[in-house]
Amino acid sequence: IVEDHGLAGGMIEAVRSGLEGVECPIYGLSVDEMPRSGKPDELLEFEGINAAAIKDLILSISELEE
């Protein structure tokens, strides 16, 4: 799950809550830094929720499953 929102009260938290008791991994990227102004691409990179961050997360998950 990737969201441009903080972890608390966001989709990641909602999915984890909804799947409580179900054994399945849930991976997520969310906004962790102090908000700031900038161009959309710059902000996605700054927050670690851009395409490169998503790719890195997917690759690290696939390495865990090998």
PDB file of N, CA and C in Angstrom:
ATOM      1  N   ILE A   1       0.857  -1.159   0.000  1.00  0.00           N
ATOM      2  CA  ILE A   1       0.000   0.000   0.000  1.00  0.00           C
ATOM      3  C   ILE A   1       0.907   1.228   0.000  1.00  0.00           C
ATOM      4  N   VAL A   2       0.663   2.135  -0.893  1.00  0.00           N
ATOM      5  CA  VAL A   2       1.431   3.374  -0.948  1.00  0.00           C
ATOM      6  C   VAL A   2       0.436   4.519  -0.826  1.00  0.00           C
ATOM      7  N   GLU A   3       0.694   5.405   0.107  1.00  0.00           N
ATOM      8  CA  GLU A   3      -0.220   6.524   0.279  1.00  0.00           C
ATOM      9  C   GLU A   3       0.533   7.813   0.565  1.00  0.00           C
ATOM     10  N   ASP A   4      -0.035   8.904   0.093  1.00  0.00           N
ATOM     11  CA  ASP A   4       0.562  10.219   0.348  1.00  0.00           C
ATOM     12  C   ASP A   4      -0.091  10.828   1.584  1.00  0.00           C
ATOM     13  N   HIS A   5      -0.046  10.072   2.660  1.00  0.00           N
ATOM     14  CA  HIS A   5      -0.686  10.422   3.924  1.00  0.00           C
ATOM     15  C   HIS A   5       0.186   9.827   5.015  1.00  0.00           C
ATOM     16  N   GLY A   6       0.066  10.345   6.199  1.00  0.00           N
ATOM     17  CA  GLY A   6       0.783   9.765   7.321  1.00  0.00           C
ATOM     18  C   GLY A   6       0.231   8.391   7.664  1.00  0.00           C
ATOM     19  N   LEU A   7       1.019   7.610   8.365  1.00  0.00           N
ATOM     20  CA  LEU A   7       0.614   6.253   8.727  1.00  0.00           C
ATOM     21  C   LEU A   7      -0.640   6.243   9.598  1.00  0.00           C
ATOM     22  N   ALA A   8      -0.688   7.091  10.599  1.00  0.00           N
ATOM     23  CA  ALA A   8      -1.836   7.120  11.509  1.00  0.00           C
ATOM     24  C   ALA A   8      -3.088   7.596  10.781  1.00  0.00           C
ATOM     25  N   GLY A   9      -4.112   6.781  10.832  1.00  0.00           N
ATOM     26  CA  GLY A   9      -5.383   7.153  10.223  1.00  0.00           C
ATOM     27  C   GLY A   9      -5.436   6.967   8.724  1.00  0.00           C
ATOM     28  N   GLY A  10      -4.416   6.350   8.158  1.00  0.00           N
ATOM     29  CA  GLY A  10      -4.361   6.175   6.713  1.00  0.00           C
ATOM     30  C   GLY A  10      -4.814   4.789   6.277  1.00  0.00           C
ATOM     31  N   MET A  11      -4.643   4.522   4.990  1.00  0.00           N
ATOM     32  CA  MET A  11      -5.071   3.256   4.403  1.00  0.00           C
ATOM     33  C   MET A  11      -4.290   2.060   4.953  1.00  0.00           C
ATOM     34  N   ILE A  12      -3.007   2.244   5.179  1.00  0.00           N
ATOM     35  CA  ILE A  12      -2.211   1.130   5.708  1.00  0.00           C
ATOM     36  C   ILE A  12      -2.770   0.685   7.048  1.00  0.00           C
ATOM     37  N   GLU A  13      -3.037   1.634   7.910  1.00  0.00           N
ATOM     38  CA  GLU A  13      -3.583   1.329   9.225  1.00  0.00           C
ATOM     39  C   GLU A  13      -4.965   0.675   9.105  1.00  0.00           C
ATOM     40  N   ALA A  14      -5.783   1.159   8.179  1.00  0.00           N
ATOM     41  CA  ALA A  14      -7.127   0.604   7.982  1.00  0.00           C
ATOM     42  C   ALA A  14      -7.058  -0.846   7.490  1.00  0.00           C
ATOM     43  N   VAL A  15      -6.162  -1.125   6.554  1.00  0.00           N
ATOM     44  CA  VAL A  15      -6.014  -2.487   6.032  1.00  0.00           C
ATOM     45  C   VAL A  15      -5.502  -3.414   7.120  1.00  0.00           C
ATOM     46  N   ARG A  16      -4.504  -2.974   7.864  1.00  0.00           N
ATOM     47  CA  ARG A  16      -3.974  -3.805   8.960  1.00  0.00           C
ATOM     48  C   ARG A  16      -5.059  -4.102   9.992  1.00  0.00           C
ATOM     49  N   SER A  17      -5.850  -3.111  10.293  1.00  0.00           N
ATOM     50  CA  SER A  17      -6.940  -3.293  11.244  1.00  0.00           C
ATOM     51  C   SER A  17      -7.987  -4.259  10.695  1.00  0.00           C
ATOM     52  N   GLY A  18      -8.333  -4.096   9.427  1.00  0.00           N
ATOM     53  CA  GLY A  18      -9.334  -4.951   8.811  1.00  0.00           C
ATOM     54  C   GLY A  18      -8.894  -6.394   8.658  1.00  0.00           C
ATOM     55  N   LEU A  19      -7.594  -6.607   8.551  1.00  0.00           N
ATOM     56  CA  LEU A  19      -7.065  -7.961   8.381  1.00  0.00           C
ATOM     57  C   LEU A  19      -6.454  -8.510   9.664  1.00  0.00           C
ATOM     58  N   GLU A  20      -6.763  -7.889  10.777  1.00  0.00           N
ATOM     59  CA  GLU A  20      -6.231  -8.356  12.054  1.00  0.00           C
ATOM     60  C   GLU A  20      -6.624  -9.816  12.257  1.00  0.00           C
ATOM     61  N   GLY A  21      -5.654 -10.625  12.603  1.00  0.00           N
ATOM     62  CA  GLY A  21      -5.898 -12.038  12.812  1.00  0.00           C
ATOM     63  C   GLY A  21      -5.693 -12.882  11.560  1.00  0.00           C
ATOM     64  N   VAL A  22      -5.556 -12.238  10.413  1.00  0.00           N
ATOM     65  CA  VAL A  22      -5.291 -12.947   9.168  1.00  0.00           C
ATOM     66  C   VAL A  22      -3.787 -12.935   8.941  1.00  0.00           C
ATOM     67  N   GLU A  23      -3.235 -14.121   8.698  1.00  0.00           N
ATOM     68  CA  GLU A  23      -1.793 -14.195   8.483  1.00  0.00           C
ATOM     69  C   GLU A  23      -1.439 -13.888   7.039  1.00  0.00           C
ATOM     70  N   CYS A  24      -1.091 -12.657   6.789  1.00  0.00           N
ATOM     71  CA  CYS A  24      -0.600 -12.251   5.475  1.00  0.00           C
ATOM     72  C   CYS A  24       0.238 -11.003   5.669  1.00  0.00           C
ATOM     73  N   PRO A  25       1.337 -10.922   4.944  1.00  0.00           N
ATOM     74  CA  PRO A  25       2.180  -9.732   5.088  1.00  0.00           C
ATOM     75  C   PRO A  25       1.513  -8.515   4.463  1.00  0.00           C
ATOM     76  N   ILE A  26       1.665  -7.401   5.111  1.00  0.00           N
ATOM     77  CA  ILE A  26       1.148  -6.133   4.594  1.00  0.00           C
ATOM     78  C   ILE A  26       2.328  -5.170   4.559  1.00  0.00           C
ATOM     79  N   TYR A  27       2.612  -4.669   3.382  1.00  0.00           N
ATOM     80  CA  TYR A  27       3.730  -3.750   3.203  1.00  0.00           C
ATOM     81  C   TYR A  27       3.178  -2.384   2.819  1.00  0.00           C
ATOM     82  N   GLY A  28       3.800  -1.348   3.339  1.00  0.00           N
ATOM     83  CA  GLY A  28       3.310  -0.025   3.005  1.00  0.00           C
ATOM     84  C   GLY A  28       4.378   1.039   3.047  1.00  0.00           C
ATOM     85  N   LEU A  29       4.138   2.046   2.261  1.00  0.00           N
ATOM     86  CA  LEU A  29       4.966   3.253   2.248  1.00  0.00           C
ATOM     87  C   LEU A  29       4.027   4.417   2.506  1.00  0.00           C
ATOM     88  N   SER A  30       4.433   5.284   3.410  1.00  0.00           N
ATOM     89  CA  SER A  30       3.602   6.451   3.711  1.00  0.00           C
ATOM     90  C   SER A  30       4.486   7.651   4.031  1.00  0.00           C
ATOM     91  N   VAL A  31       3.862   8.772   4.201  1.00  0.00           N
ATOM     92  CA  VAL A  31       4.559  10.019   4.501  1.00  0.00           C
ATOM     93  C   VAL A  31       5.042   9.975   5.953  1.00  0.00           C
ATOM     94  N   ASP A  32       6.343  10.181   6.144  1.00  0.00           N
ATOM     95  CA  ASP A  32       6.925  10.156   7.486  1.00  0.00           C
ATOM     96  C   ASP A  32       7.600  11.467   7.870  1.00  0.00           C
ATOM     97  N   GLU A  33       7.882  12.283   6.880  1.00  0.00           N
ATOM     98  CA  GLU A  33       8.649  13.497   7.124  1.00  0.00           C
ATOM     99  C   GLU A  33       7.737  14.689   7.427  1.00  0.00           C
ATOM    100  N   MET A  34       8.351  15.778   7.841  1.00  0.00           N
ATOM    101  CA  MET A  34       7.631  17.027   8.080  1.00  0.00           C
ATOM    102  C   MET A  34       7.165  17.587   6.736  1.00  0.00           C
ATOM    103  N   PRO A  35       5.900  17.953   6.616  1.00  0.00           N
ATOM    104  CA  PRO A  35       5.407  18.504   5.350  1.00  0.00           C
ATOM    105  C   PRO A  35       6.212  19.721   4.898  1.00  0.00           C
ATOM    106  N   ARG A  36       6.349  19.855   3.579  1.00  0.00           N
ATOM    107  CA  ARG A  36       7.036  20.999   3.011  1.00  0.00           C
ATOM    108  C   ARG A  36       6.484  21.251   1.613  1.00  0.00           C
ATOM    109  N   SER A  37       6.887  22.330   1.028  1.00  0.00           N
ATOM    110  CA  SER A  37       6.430  22.679  -0.318  1.00  0.00           C
ATOM    111  C   SER A  37       7.428  22.182  -1.354  1.00  0.00           C
ATOM    112  N   GLY A  38       6.926  21.936  -2.553  1.00  0.00           N
ATOM    113  CA  GLY A  38       7.793  21.516  -3.633  1.00  0.00           C
ATOM    114  C   GLY A  38       6.981  20.990  -4.792  1.00  0.00           C
ATOM    115  N   LYS A  39       7.670  20.614  -5.832  1.00  0.00           N
ATOM    116  CA  LYS A  39       7.016  20.030  -6.990  1.00  0.00           C
ATOM    117  C   LYS A  39       6.609  18.596  -6.641  1.00  0.00           C
ATOM    118  N   PRO A  40       5.523  18.103  -7.240  1.00  0.00           N
ATOM    119  CA  PRO A  40       5.046  16.761  -6.901  1.00  0.00           C
ATOM    120  C   PRO A  40       6.126  15.681  -6.951  1.00  0.00           C
ATOM    121  N   ASP A  41       6.919  15.637  -8.018  1.00  0.00           N
ATOM    122  CA  ASP A  41       7.967  14.614  -8.119  1.00  0.00           C
ATOM    123  C   ASP A  41       9.001  14.741  -7.011  1.00  0.00           C
ATOM    124  N   GLU A  42       9.352  15.976  -6.653  1.00  0.00           N
ATOM    125  CA  GLU A  42      10.312  16.208  -5.576  1.00  0.00           C
ATOM    126  C   GLU A  42       9.753  15.735  -4.239  1.00  0.00           C
ATOM    127  N   LEU A  43       8.488  16.007  -4.005  1.00  0.00           N
ATOM    128  CA  LEU A  43       7.873  15.623  -2.734  1.00  0.00           C
ATOM    129  C   LEU A  43       7.729  14.112  -2.613  1.00  0.00           C
ATOM    130  N   LEU A  44       7.358  13.445  -3.707  1.00  0.00           N
ATOM    131  CA  LEU A  44       7.264  11.983  -3.674  1.00  0.00           C
ATOM    132  C   LEU A  44       8.616  11.359  -3.356  1.00  0.00           C
ATOM    133  N   GLU A  45       9.676  11.899  -3.956  1.00  0.00           N
ATOM    134  CA  GLU A  45      11.019  11.395  -3.671  1.00  0.00           C
ATOM    135  C   GLU A  45      11.420  11.703  -2.230  1.00  0.00           C
ATOM    136  N   PHE A  46      11.173  12.929  -1.777  1.00  0.00           N
ATOM    137  CA  PHE A  46      11.518  13.341  -0.418  1.00  0.00           C
ATOM    138  C   PHE A  46      10.845  12.434   0.615  1.00  0.00           C
ATOM    139  N   GLU A  47       9.600  12.066   0.374  1.00  0.00           N
ATOM    140  CA  GLU A  47       8.843  11.244   1.314  1.00  0.00           C
ATOM    141  C   GLU A  47       9.092   9.751   1.151  1.00  0.00           C
ATOM    142  N   GLY A  48       9.819   9.375   0.094  1.00  0.00           N
ATOM    143  CA  GLY A  48      10.114   7.961  -0.111  1.00  0.00           C
ATOM    144  C   GLY A  48       8.909   7.169  -0.591  1.00  0.00           C
ATOM    145  N   ILE A  49       8.047   7.819  -1.374  1.00  0.00           N
ATOM    146  CA  ILE A  49       6.873   7.135  -1.908  1.00  0.00           C
ATOM    147  C   ILE A  49       6.811   7.267  -3.432  1.00  0.00           C
ATOM    148  N   ASN A  50       7.952   7.481  -4.049  1.00  0.00           N
ATOM    149  CA  ASN A  50       8.006   7.604  -5.513  1.00  0.00           C
ATOM    150  C   ASN A  50       8.183   6.220  -6.142  1.00  0.00           C
ATOM    151  N   ALA A  51       8.239   6.192  -7.474  1.00  0.00           N
ATOM    152  CA  ALA A  51       8.367   4.922  -8.189  1.00  0.00           C
ATOM    153  C   ALA A  51       9.607   4.143  -7.762  1.00  0.00           C
ATOM    154  N   ALA A  52      10.718   4.827  -7.561  1.00  0.00           N
ATOM    155  CA  ALA A  52      11.952   4.148  -7.153  1.00  0.00           C
ATOM    156  C   ALA A  52      11.789   3.490  -5.784  1.00  0.00           C
ATOM    157  N   ALA A  53      11.113   4.156  -4.864  1.00  0.00           N
ATOM    158  CA  ALA A  53      10.892   3.591  -3.526  1.00  0.00           C
ATOM    159  C   ALA A  53       9.979   2.372  -3.589  1.00  0.00           C
ATOM    160  N   ILE A  54       8.965   2.449  -4.443  1.00  0.00           N
ATOM    161  CA  ILE A  54       8.051   1.315  -4.613  1.00  0.00           C
ATOM    162  C   ILE A  54       8.818   0.125  -5.198  1.00  0.00           C
ATOM    163  N   LYS A  55       9.629   0.378  -6.213  1.00  0.00           N
ATOM    164  CA  LYS A  55      10.442  -0.672  -6.828  1.00  0.00           C
ATOM    165  C   LYS A  55      11.369  -1.307  -5.801  1.00  0.00           C
ATOM    166  N   ASP A  56      12.043  -0.482  -5.003  1.00  0.00           N
ATOM    167  CA  ASP A  56      12.967  -0.999  -3.984  1.00  0.00           C
ATOM    168  C   ASP A  56      12.235  -1.880  -2.975  1.00  0.00           C
ATOM    169  N   LEU A  57      11.037  -1.467  -2.564  1.00  0.00           N
ATOM    170  CA  LEU A  57      10.261  -2.263  -1.613  1.00  0.00           C
ATOM    171  C   LEU A  57       9.875  -3.604  -2.232  1.00  0.00           C
ATOM    172  N   ILE A  58       9.408  -3.590  -3.457  1.00  0.00           N
ATOM    173  CA  ILE A  58       9.018  -4.831  -4.136  1.00  0.00           C
ATOM    174  C   ILE A  58      10.222  -5.767  -4.276  1.00  0.00           C
ATOM    175  N   LEU A  59      11.362  -5.239  -4.655  1.00  0.00           N
ATOM    176  CA  LEU A  59      12.560  -6.069  -4.790  1.00  0.00           C
ATOM    177  C   LEU A  59      12.991  -6.636  -3.447  1.00  0.00           C
ATOM    178  N   SER A  60      12.891  -5.847  -2.386  1.00  0.00           N
ATOM    179  CA  SER A  60      13.287  -6.372  -1.065  1.00  0.00           C
ATOM    180  C   SER A  60      12.318  -7.444  -0.596  1.00  0.00           C
ATOM    181  N   ILE A  61      11.046  -7.321  -0.930  1.00  0.00           N
ATOM    182  CA  ILE A  61      10.065  -8.352  -0.577  1.00  0.00           C
ATOM    183  C   ILE A  61      10.355  -9.629  -1.350  1.00  0.00           C
ATOM    184  N   SER A  62      10.634  -9.496  -2.628  1.00  0.00           N
ATOM    185  CA  SER A  62      10.902 -10.687  -3.446  1.00  0.00           C
ATOM    186  C   SER A  62      12.173 -11.389  -2.997  1.00  0.00           C
ATOM    187  N   GLU A  63      13.148 -10.644  -2.505  1.00  0.00           N
ATOM    188  CA  GLU A  63      14.376 -11.258  -1.978  1.00  0.00           C
ATOM    189  C   GLU A  63      14.083 -12.040  -0.703  1.00  0.00           C
ATOM    190  N   LEU A  64      13.144 -11.556   0.126  1.00  0.00           N
ATOM    191  CA  LEU A  64      12.783 -12.250   1.355  1.00  0.00           C
ATOM    192  C   LEU A  64      12.097 -13.575   1.054  1.00  0.00           C
ATOM    193  N   GLU A  65      11.369 -13.630  -0.034  1.00  0.00           N
ATOM    194  CA  GLU A  65      10.588 -14.818  -0.371  1.00  0.00           C
ATOM    195  C   GLU A  65      11.392 -15.863  -1.126  1.00  0.00           C
ATOM    196  N   GLU A  66      12.623 -15.549  -1.516  1.00  0.00           N
ATOM    197  CA  GLU A  66      13.450 -16.531  -2.239  1.00  0.00           C
ATOM    198  C   GLU A  66      14.062 -17.537  -1.315  1.00  0.00           C
TER     199      GLU A  66
END
